[in-house]
Amino acid sequence: QLQLQESGGGLVQSGESLTLSCVASGLGFVLSDYPIGWYRQAPGKEHEAISCIDGNDGASHYVPSMKGRFTTSRDDAKNTIYLHVNDLKPEDTAAYHCGAYTPASCPPEEKWVHEAFGSWGQGTQVTVYP
């Protein structure tokens, strides 16, 4: 069963960058088959989708408002998917989560939050101060 654990968050100043990691573990899966998405939840707000990267060909997709500052990538040999965020802003403060989807291509964007599975834990917290 596929399990995902996020890490890499922290307290950063506005304008800085971070790279978040999502490490997969478990038995009986081939990570490269699975599309993996990132989403976040700010205090008092709904979950917000960010990106999805396809299994197999690794094509990446972004919510339009997230294009430009967010980049997702994957290293299946390391069982890890990354989310790099440039020019962080206070409004990026949130718990960031990763989740998997049914192989092999990302689902439609509107499903990125509610159809994600495998996340283990509370995500990784990113706090951006001015």
Foldseek 3Di string as FASTA:
>chain_A
DKAKEKDWADEEAFFAKTKIKIAIDDDDDQLLFKKKFKWWDAPPGDIGTAKIFWRPVRDIDGDVVNPPFWDWGDDSVRRMIMIMGGRDDQVVFTFMWMFIAHGGGDDPPVCRPVRGDRYDDRHYTHGYDD
